[in-house]
PDB file of N, CA and C in Angstrom:
ATOM      1  N   MET A   1      -0.277 -17.643  11.123  1.00  0.00           N
ATOM      2  CA  MET A   1       1.087 -17.201  10.974  1.00  0.00           C
ATOM      3  C   MET A   1       1.194 -16.126   9.888  1.00  0.00           C
ATOM      4  N   ALA A   2       0.556 -16.360   8.749  1.00  0.00           N
ATOM      5  CA  ALA A   2       0.635 -15.415   7.636  1.00  0.00           C
ATOM      6  C   ALA A   2      -0.051 -14.098   7.981  1.00  0.00           C
ATOM      7  N   LEU A   3      -1.193 -14.165   8.650  1.00  0.00           N
ATOM      8  CA  LEU A   3      -1.890 -12.942   9.032  1.00  0.00           C
ATOM      9  C   LEU A   3      -1.056 -12.157  10.033  1.00  0.00           C
ATOM     10  N   ALA A   4      -0.411 -12.850  10.957  1.00  0.00           N
ATOM     11  CA  ALA A   4       0.457 -12.184  11.931  1.00  0.00           C
ATOM     12  C   ALA A   4       1.615 -11.488  11.210  1.00  0.00           C
ATOM     13  N   LYS A   5       2.178 -12.138  10.201  1.00  0.00           N
ATOM     14  CA  LYS A   5       3.271 -11.527   9.443  1.00  0.00           C
ATOM     15  C   LYS A   5       2.774 -10.284   8.711  1.00  0.00           C
ATOM     16  N   ALA A   6       1.599 -10.372   8.087  1.00  0.00           N
ATOM     17  CA  ALA A   6       1.034  -9.217   7.376  1.00  0.00           C
ATOM     18  C   ALA A   6       0.824  -8.054   8.342  1.00  0.00           C
ATOM     19  N   LYS A   7       0.319  -8.344   9.534  1.00  0.00           N
ATOM     20  CA  LYS A   7       0.103  -7.291  10.533  1.00  0.00           C
ATOM     21  C   LYS A   7       1.426  -6.686  10.980  1.00  0.00           C
ATOM     22  N   ASP A   8       2.451  -7.517  11.142  1.00  0.00           N
ATOM     23  CA  ASP A   8       3.777  -7.008  11.513  1.00  0.00           C
ATOM     24  C   ASP A   8       4.325  -6.084  10.432  1.00  0.00           C
ATOM     25  N   ILE A   9       4.158  -6.476   9.187  1.00  0.00           N
ATOM     26  CA  ILE A   9       4.636  -5.649   8.074  1.00  0.00           C
ATOM     27  C   ILE A   9       3.922  -4.304   8.075  1.00  0.00           C
ATOM     28  N   VAL A  10       2.604  -4.333   8.227  1.00  0.00           N
ATOM     29  CA  VAL A  10       1.801  -3.106   8.208  1.00  0.00           C
ATOM     30  C   VAL A  10       2.203  -2.174   9.346  1.00  0.00           C
ATOM     31  N   SER A  11       2.509  -2.751  10.506  1.00  0.00           N
ATOM     32  CA  SER A  11       2.859  -1.909  11.646  1.00  0.00           C
ATOM     33  C   SER A  11       4.308  -1.432  11.606  1.00  0.00           C
ATOM     34  N   SER A  12       5.125  -2.025  10.744  1.00  0.00           N
ATOM     35  CA  SER A  12       6.546  -1.665  10.720  1.00  0.00           C
ATOM     36  C   SER A  12       6.905  -0.621   9.674  1.00  0.00           C
ATOM     37  N   ALA A  13       5.986  -0.287   8.795  1.00  0.00           N
ATOM     38  CA  ALA A  13       6.272   0.695   7.740  1.00  0.00           C
ATOM     39  C   ALA A  13       5.108   1.681   7.635  1.00  0.00           C
ATOM     40  N   PRO A  14       5.412   2.950   7.361  1.00  0.00           N
ATOM     41  CA  PRO A  14       4.339   3.947   7.265  1.00  0.00           C
ATOM     42  C   PRO A  14       3.354   3.689   6.126  1.00  0.00           C
ATOM     43  N   VAL A  15       3.855   3.179   4.997  1.00  0.00           N
ATOM     44  CA  VAL A  15       2.992   2.882   3.854  1.00  0.00           C
ATOM     45  C   VAL A  15       3.396   1.512   3.311  1.00  0.00           C
ATOM     46  N   VAL A  16       2.407   0.633   3.196  1.00  0.00           N
ATOM     47  CA  VAL A  16       2.639  -0.716   2.685  1.00  0.00           C
ATOM     48  C   VAL A  16       1.649  -0.988   1.567  1.00  0.00           C
ATOM     49  N   VAL A  17       2.179  -1.575   0.485  1.00  0.00           N
ATOM     50  CA  VAL A  17       1.344  -1.991  -0.631  1.00  0.00           C
ATOM     51  C   VAL A  17       1.543  -3.493  -0.812  1.00  0.00           C
ATOM     52  N   PHE A  18       0.495  -4.270  -0.571  1.00  0.00           N
ATOM     53  CA  PHE A  18       0.519  -5.692  -0.890  1.00  0.00           C
ATOM     54  C   PHE A  18       0.119  -5.782  -2.353  1.00  0.00           C
ATOM     55  N   SER A  19       0.963  -6.426  -3.146  1.00  0.00           N
ATOM     56  CA  SER A  19       0.856  -6.338  -4.593  1.00  0.00           C
ATOM     57  C   SER A  19       1.197  -7.671  -5.235  1.00  0.00           C
ATOM     58  N   LYS A  20       1.013  -7.734  -6.532  1.00  0.00           N
ATOM     59  CA  LYS A  20       1.512  -8.833  -7.355  1.00  0.00           C
ATOM     60  C   LYS A  20       2.176  -8.193  -8.565  1.00  0.00           C
ATOM     61  N   THR A  21       3.311  -8.740  -8.962  1.00  0.00           N
ATOM     62  CA  THR A  21       4.120  -8.111 -10.005  1.00  0.00           C
ATOM     63  C   THR A  21       3.387  -7.963 -11.330  1.00  0.00           C
ATOM     64  N   TYR A  22       2.482  -8.868 -11.641  1.00  0.00           N
ATOM     65  CA  TYR A  22       1.804  -8.869 -12.944  1.00  0.00           C
ATOM     66  C   TYR A  22       0.471  -8.125 -12.943  1.00  0.00           C
ATOM     67  N   CYS A  23       0.070  -7.597 -11.814  1.00  0.00           N
ATOM     68  CA  CYS A  23      -1.241  -6.953 -11.672  1.00  0.00           C
ATOM     69  C   CYS A  23      -1.187  -5.501 -12.149  1.00  0.00           C
ATOM     70  N   GLY A  24      -1.996  -5.175 -13.153  1.00  0.00           N
ATOM     71  CA  GLY A  24      -2.047  -3.819 -13.683  1.00  0.00           C
ATOM     72  C   GLY A  24      -2.530  -2.791 -12.670  1.00  0.00           C
ATOM     73  N   TYR A  25      -3.488  -3.162 -11.823  1.00  0.00           N
ATOM     74  CA  TYR A  25      -3.981  -2.246 -10.795  1.00  0.00           C
ATOM     75  C   TYR A  25      -2.892  -1.960  -9.767  1.00  0.00           C
ATOM     76  N   CYS A  26      -2.129  -3.001  -9.432  1.00  0.00           N
ATOM     77  CA  CYS A  26      -1.021  -2.842  -8.490  1.00  0.00           C
ATOM     78  C   CYS A  26       0.021  -1.898  -9.078  1.00  0.00           C
ATOM     79  N   LYS A  27       0.318  -2.087 -10.353  1.00  0.00           N
ATOM     80  CA  LYS A  27       1.296  -1.235 -11.023  1.00  0.00           C
ATOM     81  C   LYS A  27       0.842   0.216 -11.004  1.00  0.00           C
ATOM     82  N   ARG A  28      -0.429   0.452 -11.231  1.00  0.00           N
ATOM     83  CA  ARG A  28      -0.965   1.826 -11.236  1.00  0.00           C
ATOM     84  C   ARG A  28      -0.793   2.491  -9.877  1.00  0.00           C
ATOM     85  N   VAL A  29      -1.062   1.754  -8.798  1.00  0.00           N
ATOM     86  CA  VAL A  29      -0.897   2.309  -7.453  1.00  0.00           C
ATOM     87  C   VAL A  29       0.581   2.587  -7.172  1.00  0.00           C
ATOM     88  N   ARG A  30       1.448   1.641  -7.531  1.00  0.00           N
ATOM     89  CA  ARG A  30       2.892   1.850  -7.318  1.00  0.00           C
ATOM     90  C   ARG A  30       3.379   3.059  -8.111  1.00  0.00           C
ATOM     91  N   GLN A  31       2.897   3.208  -9.348  1.00  0.00           N
ATOM     92  CA  GLN A  31       3.292   4.357 -10.173  1.00  0.00           C
ATOM     93  C   GLN A  31       2.838   5.671  -9.552  1.00  0.00           C
ATOM     94  N   LEU A  32       1.616   5.703  -9.048  1.00  0.00           N
ATOM     95  CA  LEU A  32       1.100   6.928  -8.434  1.00  0.00           C
ATOM     96  C   LEU A  32       1.936   7.303  -7.214  1.00  0.00           C
ATOM     97  N   LEU A  33       2.197   6.339  -6.350  1.00  0.00           N
ATOM     98  CA  LEU A  33       2.989   6.631  -5.156  1.00  0.00           C
ATOM     99  C   LEU A  33       4.392   7.099  -5.529  1.00  0.00           C
ATOM    100  N   ALA A  34       4.985   6.466  -6.529  1.00  0.00           N
ATOM    101  CA  ALA A  34       6.314   6.879  -6.983  1.00  0.00           C
ATOM    102  C   ALA A  34       6.272   8.276  -7.593  1.00  0.00           C
ATOM    103  N   GLN A  35       5.235   8.552  -8.372  1.00  0.00           N
ATOM    104  CA  GLN A  35       5.058   9.861  -9.006  1.00  0.00           C
ATOM    105  C   GLN A  35       4.940  10.961  -7.954  1.00  0.00           C
ATOM    106  N   LEU A  36       4.275  10.645  -6.844  1.00  0.00           N
ATOM    107  CA  LEU A  36       4.113  11.608  -5.755  1.00  0.00           C
ATOM    108  C   LEU A  36       5.385  11.751  -4.933  1.00  0.00           C
ATOM    109  N   GLY A  37       6.328  10.822  -5.115  1.00  0.00           N
ATOM    110  CA  GLY A  37       7.577  10.871  -4.358  1.00  0.00           C
ATOM    111  C   GLY A  37       7.481  10.224  -2.995  1.00  0.00           C
ATOM    112  N   ALA A  38       6.459   9.416  -2.790  1.00  0.00           N
ATOM    113  CA  ALA A  38       6.259   8.763  -1.496  1.00  0.00           C
ATOM    114  C   ALA A  38       7.192   7.567  -1.353  1.00  0.00           C
ATOM    115  N   SER A  39       7.705   7.389  -0.155  1.00  0.00           N
ATOM    116  CA  SER A  39       8.450   6.162   0.125  1.00  0.00           C
ATOM    117  C   SER A  39       7.441   5.159   0.673  1.00  0.00           C
ATOM    118  N   TYR A  40       7.563   3.922   0.231  1.00  0.00           N
ATOM    119  CA  TYR A  40       6.605   2.908   0.635  1.00  0.00           C
ATOM    120  C   TYR A  40       7.239   1.534   0.525  1.00  0.00           C
ATOM    121  N   GLU A  41       6.683   0.599   1.246  1.00  0.00           N
ATOM    122  CA  GLU A  41       7.126  -0.787   1.245  1.00  0.00           C
ATOM    123  C   GLU A  41       6.197  -1.577   0.337  1.00  0.00           C
ATOM    124  N   VAL A  42       6.756  -2.343  -0.574  1.00  0.00           N
ATOM    125  CA  VAL A  42       5.952  -3.184  -1.457  1.00  0.00           C
ATOM    126  C   VAL A  42       6.206  -4.632  -1.088  1.00  0.00           C
ATOM    127  N   ILE A  43       5.144  -5.368  -0.885  1.00  0.00           N
ATOM    128  CA  ILE A  43       5.222  -6.800  -0.650  1.00  0.00           C
ATOM    129  C   ILE A  43       4.586  -7.473  -1.859  1.00  0.00           C
ATOM    130  N   GLU A  44       5.427  -8.037  -2.703  1.00  0.00           N
ATOM    131  CA  GLU A  44       4.950  -8.718  -3.903  1.00  0.00           C
ATOM    132  C   GLU A  44       4.578 -10.153  -3.522  1.00  0.00           C
ATOM    133  N   LEU A  45       3.299 -10.404  -3.413  1.00  0.00           N
ATOM    134  CA  LEU A  45       2.816 -11.699  -2.920  1.00  0.00           C
ATOM    135  C   LEU A  45       3.177 -12.856  -3.838  1.00  0.00           C
ATOM    136  N   ASP A  46       3.420 -12.574  -5.122  1.00  0.00           N
ATOM    137  CA  ASP A  46       3.800 -13.647  -6.037  1.00  0.00           C
ATOM    138  C   ASP A  46       5.305 -13.906  -6.028  1.00  0.00           C
ATOM    139  N   VAL A  47       6.053 -13.117  -5.272  1.00  0.00           N
ATOM    140  CA  VAL A  47       7.501 -13.280  -5.176  1.00  0.00           C
ATOM    141  C   VAL A  47       7.918 -13.757  -3.782  1.00  0.00           C
ATOM    142  N   GLU A  48       7.218 -13.284  -2.761  1.00  0.00           N
ATOM    143  CA  GLU A  48       7.527 -13.662  -1.378  1.00  0.00           C
ATOM    144  C   GLU A  48       7.425 -15.174  -1.207  1.00  0.00           C
ATOM    145  N   SER A  49       8.329 -15.742  -0.447  1.00  0.00           N
ATOM    146  CA  SER A  49       8.320 -17.197  -0.247  1.00  0.00           C
ATOM    147  C   SER A  49       7.021 -17.675   0.401  1.00  0.00           C
ATOM    148  N   ASP A  50       6.439 -16.852   1.262  1.00  0.00           N
ATOM    149  CA  ASP A  50       5.177 -17.238   1.894  1.00  0.00           C
ATOM    150  C   ASP A  50       4.008 -16.372   1.406  1.00  0.00           C
ATOM    151  N   GLY A  51       4.184 -15.753   0.258  1.00  0.00           N
ATOM    152  CA  GLY A  51       3.137 -14.894  -0.301  1.00  0.00           C
ATOM    153  C   GLY A  51       1.852 -15.639  -0.594  1.00  0.00           C
ATOM    154  N   SER A  52       1.981 -16.896  -1.023  1.00  0.00           N
ATOM    155  CA  SER A  52       0.774 -17.680  -1.311  1.00  0.00           C
ATOM    156  C   SER A  52       0.007 -17.984  -0.032  1.00  0.00           C
ATOM    157  N   GLU A  53       0.684 -17.968   1.109  1.00  0.00           N
ATOM    158  CA  GLU A  53       0.001 -18.143   2.391  1.00  0.00           C
ATOM    159  C   GLU A  53      -0.552 -16.810   2.893  1.00  0.00           C
ATOM    160  N   MET A  54       0.182 -15.731   2.619  1.00  0.00           N
ATOM    161  CA  MET A  54      -0.235 -14.422   3.098  1.00  0.00           C
ATOM    162  C   MET A  54      -1.467 -13.908   2.355  1.00  0.00           C
ATOM    163  N   HIS A  55      -1.553 -14.178   1.054  1.00  0.00           N
ATOM    164  CA  HIS A  55      -2.670 -13.663   0.260  1.00  0.00           C
ATOM    165  C   HIS A  55      -4.017 -14.133   0.799  1.00  0.00           C
ATOM    166  N   PRO A  56      -4.215 -15.431   1.086  1.00  0.00           N
ATOM    167  CA  PRO A  56      -5.500 -15.837   1.663  1.00  0.00           C
ATOM    168  C   PRO A  56      -5.780 -15.184   3.022  1.00  0.00           C
ATOM    169  N   ALA A  57      -4.719 -14.863   3.762  1.00  0.00           N
ATOM    170  CA  ALA A  57      -4.908 -14.188   5.050  1.00  0.00           C
ATOM    171  C   ALA A  57      -5.477 -12.793   4.842  1.00  0.00           C
ATOM    172  N   LEU A  58      -5.253 -12.240   3.661  1.00  0.00           N
ATOM    173  CA  LEU A  58      -5.770 -10.916   3.311  1.00  0.00           C
ATOM    174  C   LEU A  58      -6.989 -11.038   2.402  1.00  0.00           C
ATOM    175  N   VAL A  59      -7.637 -12.192   2.454  1.00  0.00           N
ATOM    176  CA  VAL A  59      -8.704 -12.531   1.512  1.00  0.00           C
ATOM    177  C   VAL A  59      -9.843 -11.511   1.481  1.00  0.00           C
ATOM    178  N   GLU A  60     -10.004 -10.766   2.544  1.00  0.00           N
ATOM    179  CA  GLU A  60     -11.073  -9.762   2.545  1.00  0.00           C
ATOM    180  C   GLU A  60     -10.814  -8.670   1.507  1.00  0.00           C
ATOM    181  N   TRP A  61      -9.558  -8.536   1.099  1.00  0.00           N
ATOM    182  CA  TRP A  61      -9.197  -7.484   0.164  1.00  0.00           C
ATOM    183  C   TRP A  61      -8.510  -8.093  -1.044  1.00  0.00           C
ATOM    184  N   THR A  62      -8.686  -7.480  -2.187  1.00  0.00           N
ATOM    185  CA  THR A  62      -7.966  -7.894  -3.382  1.00  0.00           C
ATOM    186  C   THR A  62      -6.630  -7.159  -3.403  1.00  0.00           C
ATOM    187  N   VAL A  63      -5.784  -7.466  -4.359  1.00  0.00           N
ATOM    188  CA  VAL A  63      -4.563  -6.687  -4.511  1.00  0.00           C
ATOM    189  C   VAL A  63      -4.804  -5.637  -5.577  1.00  0.00           C
ATOM    190  N   PRO A  64      -4.246  -4.470  -5.450  1.00  0.00           N
ATOM    191  CA  PRO A  64      -3.375  -4.086  -4.356  1.00  0.00           C
ATOM    192  C   PRO A  64      -4.163  -3.781  -3.090  1.00  0.00           C
ATOM    193  N   ASN A  65      -3.478  -3.909  -1.992  1.00  0.00           N
ATOM    194  CA  ASN A  65      -3.988  -3.516  -0.691  1.00  0.00           C
ATOM    195  C   ASN A  65      -3.053  -2.476  -0.150  1.00  0.00           C
ATOM    196  N   VAL A  66      -3.541  -1.282   0.097  1.00  0.00           N
ATOM    197  CA  VAL A  66      -2.696  -0.189   0.556  1.00  0.00           C
ATOM    198  C   VAL A  66      -3.030   0.130   2.002  1.00  0.00           C
ATOM    199  N   PHE A  67      -1.987   0.229   2.811  1.00  0.00           N
ATOM    200  CA  PHE A  67      -2.105   0.605   4.211  1.00  0.00           C
ATOM    201  C   PHE A  67      -1.260   1.846   4.426  1.00  0.00           C
ATOM    202  N   ILE A  68      -1.838   2.857   5.054  1.00  0.00           N
ATOM    203  CA  ILE A  68      -1.108   4.084   5.371  1.00  0.00           C
ATOM    204  C   ILE A  68      -1.251   4.323   6.864  1.00  0.00           C
ATOM    205  N   GLY A  69      -0.116   4.452   7.516  1.00  0.00           N
ATOM    206  CA  GLY A  69      -0.131   4.662   8.963  1.00  0.00           C
ATOM    207  C   GLY A  69      -0.788   3.523   9.713  1.00  0.00           C
ATOM    208  N   GLY A  70      -0.653   2.320   9.194  1.00  0.00           N
ATOM    209  CA  GLY A  70      -1.232   1.149   9.843  1.00  0.00           C
ATOM    210  C   GLY A  70      -2.706   0.949   9.573  1.00  0.00           C
ATOM    211  N   ASN A  71      -3.312   1.860   8.829  1.00  0.00           N
ATOM    212  CA  ASN A  71      -4.741   1.776   8.532  1.00  0.00           C
ATOM    213  C   ASN A  71      -4.968   1.326   7.095  1.00  0.00           C
ATOM    214  N   HIS A  72      -5.932   0.446   6.916  1.00  0.00           N
ATOM    215  CA  HIS A  72      -6.264  -0.025   5.577  1.00  0.00           C
ATOM    216  C   HIS A  72      -6.958   1.089   4.809  1.00  0.00           C
ATOM    217  N   VAL A  73      -6.399   1.438   3.655  1.00  0.00           N
ATOM    218  CA  VAL A  73      -6.977   2.475   2.798  1.00  0.00           C
ATOM    219  C   VAL A  73      -7.871   1.833   1.754  1.00  0.00           C
ATOM    220  N   GLY A  74      -7.366   0.799   1.081  1.00  0.00           N
ATOM    221  CA  GLY A  74      -8.149   0.117   0.069  1.00  0.00           C
ATOM    222  C   GLY A  74      -7.305  -0.289  -1.112  1.00  0.00           C
ATOM    223  N   GLY A  75      -7.997  -0.570  -2.194  1.00  0.00           N
ATOM    224  CA  GLY A  75      -7.341  -0.998  -3.421  1.00  0.00           C
ATOM    225  C   GLY A  75      -7.137   0.155  -4.377  1.00  0.00           C
ATOM    226  N   CYS A  76      -6.901  -0.172  -5.607  1.00  0.00           N
ATOM    227  CA  CYS A  76      -6.572   0.806  -6.638  1.00  0.00           C
ATOM    228  C   CYS A  76      -7.640   1.888  -6.773  1.00  0.00           C
ATOM    229  N   ASP A  77      -8.886   1.487  -6.931  1.00  0.00           N
ATOM    230  CA  ASP A  77      -9.957   2.470  -7.136  1.00  0.00           C
ATOM    231  C   ASP A  77     -10.048   3.456  -5.981  1.00  0.00           C
ATOM    232  N   VAL A  78      -9.946   2.955  -4.761  1.00  0.00           N
ATOM    233  CA  VAL A  78     -10.052   3.820  -3.582  1.00  0.00           C
ATOM    234  C   VAL A  78      -8.867   4.775  -3.504  1.00  0.00           C
ATOM    235  N   VAL A  79      -7.663   4.259  -3.763  1.00  0.00           N
ATOM    236  CA  VAL A  79      -6.466   5.105  -3.709  1.00  0.00           C
ATOM    237  C   VAL A  79      -6.544   6.198  -4.768  1.00  0.00           C
ATOM    238  N   LEU A  80      -6.926   5.834  -5.989  1.00  0.00           N
ATOM    239  CA  LEU A  80      -7.046   6.833  -7.055  1.00  0.00           C
ATOM    240  C   LEU A  80      -8.136   7.851  -6.729  1.00  0.00           C
ATOM    241  N   GLU A  81      -9.235   7.398  -6.178  1.00  0.00           N
ATOM    242  CA  GLU A  81     -10.322   8.304  -5.796  1.00  0.00           C
ATOM    243  C   GLU A  81      -9.855   9.275  -4.713  1.00  0.00           C
ATOM    244  N   ARG A  82      -9.156   8.752  -3.703  1.00  0.00           N
ATOM    245  CA  ARG A  82      -8.640   9.618  -2.633  1.00  0.00           C
ATOM    246  C   ARG A  82      -7.690  10.664  -3.215  1.00  0.00           C
ATOM    247  N   HIS A  83      -6.885  10.253  -4.192  1.00  0.00           N
ATOM    248  CA  HIS A  83      -5.965  11.202  -4.818  1.00  0.00           C
ATOM    249  C   HIS A  83      -6.750  12.271  -5.577  1.00  0.00           C
ATOM    250  N   ASP A  84      -7.743  11.860  -6.358  1.00  0.00           N
ATOM    251  CA  ASP A  84      -8.562  12.808  -7.117  1.00  0.00           C
ATOM    252  C   ASP A  84      -9.291  13.795  -6.200  1.00  0.00           C
ATOM    253  N   GLU A  85      -9.652  13.341  -5.013  1.00  0.00           N
ATOM    254  CA  GLU A  85     -10.352  14.191  -4.044  1.00  0.00           C
ATOM    255  C   GLU A  85      -9.398  15.058  -3.225  1.00  0.00           C
ATOM    256  N   GLY A  86      -8.100  14.901  -3.447  1.00  0.00           N
ATOM    257  CA  GLY A  86      -7.116  15.677  -2.695  1.00  0.00           C
ATOM    258  C   GLY A  86      -6.864  15.166  -1.291  1.00  0.00           C
ATOM    259  N   LYS A  87      -7.247  13.937  -1.012  1.00  0.00           N
ATOM    260  CA  LYS A  87      -7.100  13.383   0.335  1.00  0.00           C
ATOM    261  C   LYS A  87      -5.865  12.497   0.502  1.00  0.00           C
ATOM    262  N   LEU A  88      -5.302  12.008  -0.594  1.00  0.00           N
ATOM    263  CA  LEU A  88      -4.191  11.067  -0.494  1.00  0.00           C
ATOM    264  C   LEU A  88      -2.899  11.749  -0.051  1.00  0.00           C
ATOM    265  N   VAL A  89      -2.554  12.865  -0.669  1.00  0.00           N
ATOM    266  CA  VAL A  89      -1.306  13.546  -0.338  1.00  0.00           C
ATOM    267  C   VAL A  89      -1.263  13.951   1.133  1.00  0.00           C
ATOM    268  N   PRO A  90      -2.311  14.569   1.694  1.00  0.00           N
ATOM    269  CA  PRO A  90      -2.264  14.886   3.122  1.00  0.00           C
ATOM    270  C   PRO A  90      -2.110  13.635   4.002  1.00  0.00           C
ATOM    271  N   GLN A  91      -2.731  12.551   3.592  1.00  0.00           N
ATOM    272  CA  GLN A  91      -2.607  11.318   4.357  1.00  0.00           C
ATOM    273  C   GLN A  91      -1.169  10.795   4.304  1.00  0.00           C
ATOM    274  N   LEU A  92      -0.542  10.867   3.138  1.00  0.00           N
ATOM    275  CA  LEU A  92       0.856  10.457   3.000  1.00  0.00           C
ATOM    276  C   LEU A  92       1.788  11.378   3.779  1.00  0.00           C
ATOM    277  N   MET A  93       1.496  12.668   3.774  1.00  0.00           N
ATOM    278  CA  MET A  93       2.298  13.613   4.562  1.00  0.00           C
ATOM    279  C   MET A  93       2.151  13.304   6.051  1.00  0.00           C
ATOM    280  N   GLY A  94       0.940  12.982   6.472  1.00  0.00           N
ATOM    281  CA  GLY A  94       0.706  12.638   7.864  1.00  0.00           C
ATOM    282  C   GLY A  94       1.457  11.390   8.292  1.00  0.00           C
ATOM    283  N   ALA A  95       1.695  10.500   7.342  1.00  0.00           N
ATOM    284  CA  ALA A  95       2.442   9.272   7.632  1.00  0.00           C
ATOM    285  C   ALA A  95       3.944   9.514   7.565  1.00  0.00           C
ATOM    286  N   GLY A  96       4.342  10.717   7.140  1.00  0.00           N
ATOM    287  CA  GLY A  96       5.753  11.077   7.106  1.00  0.00           C
ATOM    288  C   GLY A  96       6.504  10.556   5.893  1.00  0.00           C
ATOM    289  N   VAL A  97       5.784  10.207   4.827  1.00  0.00           N
ATOM    290  CA  VAL A  97       6.465   9.686   3.634  1.00  0.00           C
ATOM    291  C   VAL A  97       6.542  10.709   2.506  1.00  0.00           C
ATOM    292  N   LEU A  98       5.992  11.890   2.747  1.00  0.00           N
ATOM    293  CA  LEU A  98       6.088  13.004   1.800  1.00  0.00           C
ATOM    294  C   LEU A  98       6.430  14.247   2.598  1.00  0.00           C
ATOM    295  N   PRO A  99       7.274  15.103   2.064  1.00  0.00           N
ATOM    296  CA  PRO A  99       7.542  16.357   2.764  1.00  0.00           C
ATOM    297  C   PRO A  99       6.343  17.282   2.673  1.00  0.00           C
ATOM    298  N   SER A 100       6.188  18.121   3.650  1.00  0.00           N
ATOM    299  CA  SER A 100       5.099  19.098   3.582  1.00  0.00           C
ATOM    300  C   SER A 100       5.466  20.140   2.538  1.00  0.00           C
ATOM    301  N   PRO A 101       4.495  20.825   1.949  1.00  0.00           N
ATOM    302  CA  PRO A 101       4.759  21.789   0.877  1.00  0.00           C
ATOM    303  C   PRO A 101       5.712  22.906   1.290  1.00  0.00           C
ATOM    304  N   ALA A 102       5.773  23.239   2.567  1.00  0.00           N
ATOM    305  CA  ALA A 102       6.628  24.336   3.028  1.00  0.00           C
ATOM    306  C   ALA A 102       8.087  23.939   3.092  1.00  0.00           C
ATOM    307  N   GLU A 103       8.380  22.634   3.003  1.00  0.00           N
ATOM    308  CA  GLU A 103       9.770  22.183   3.140  1.00  0.00           C
ATOM    309  C   GLU A 103      10.527  22.316   1.854  1.00  0.00           C
TER     310      GLU A 103
END
């Protein structure tokens, strides 16, 4: 049930961050996305009523878990690396959560 809910969430929003409110890595990813002006859905697993059930369903990944366009991107290190390599912004633009530079 929890895995099905996580999949529904991922498929219903262009960018999803599974997070925990007290996690410093999660905060860093949320700050970066906000700094870039991206719109995204945050699922705080420590606040959601079924977050404790959903987290084990995502056990293959730690938090944060970032999904863009329904695809798993990774955690904090991967997201920051993609940004440093210039790959994150185009991916966010492709998901429609950032305007293109010409706009």
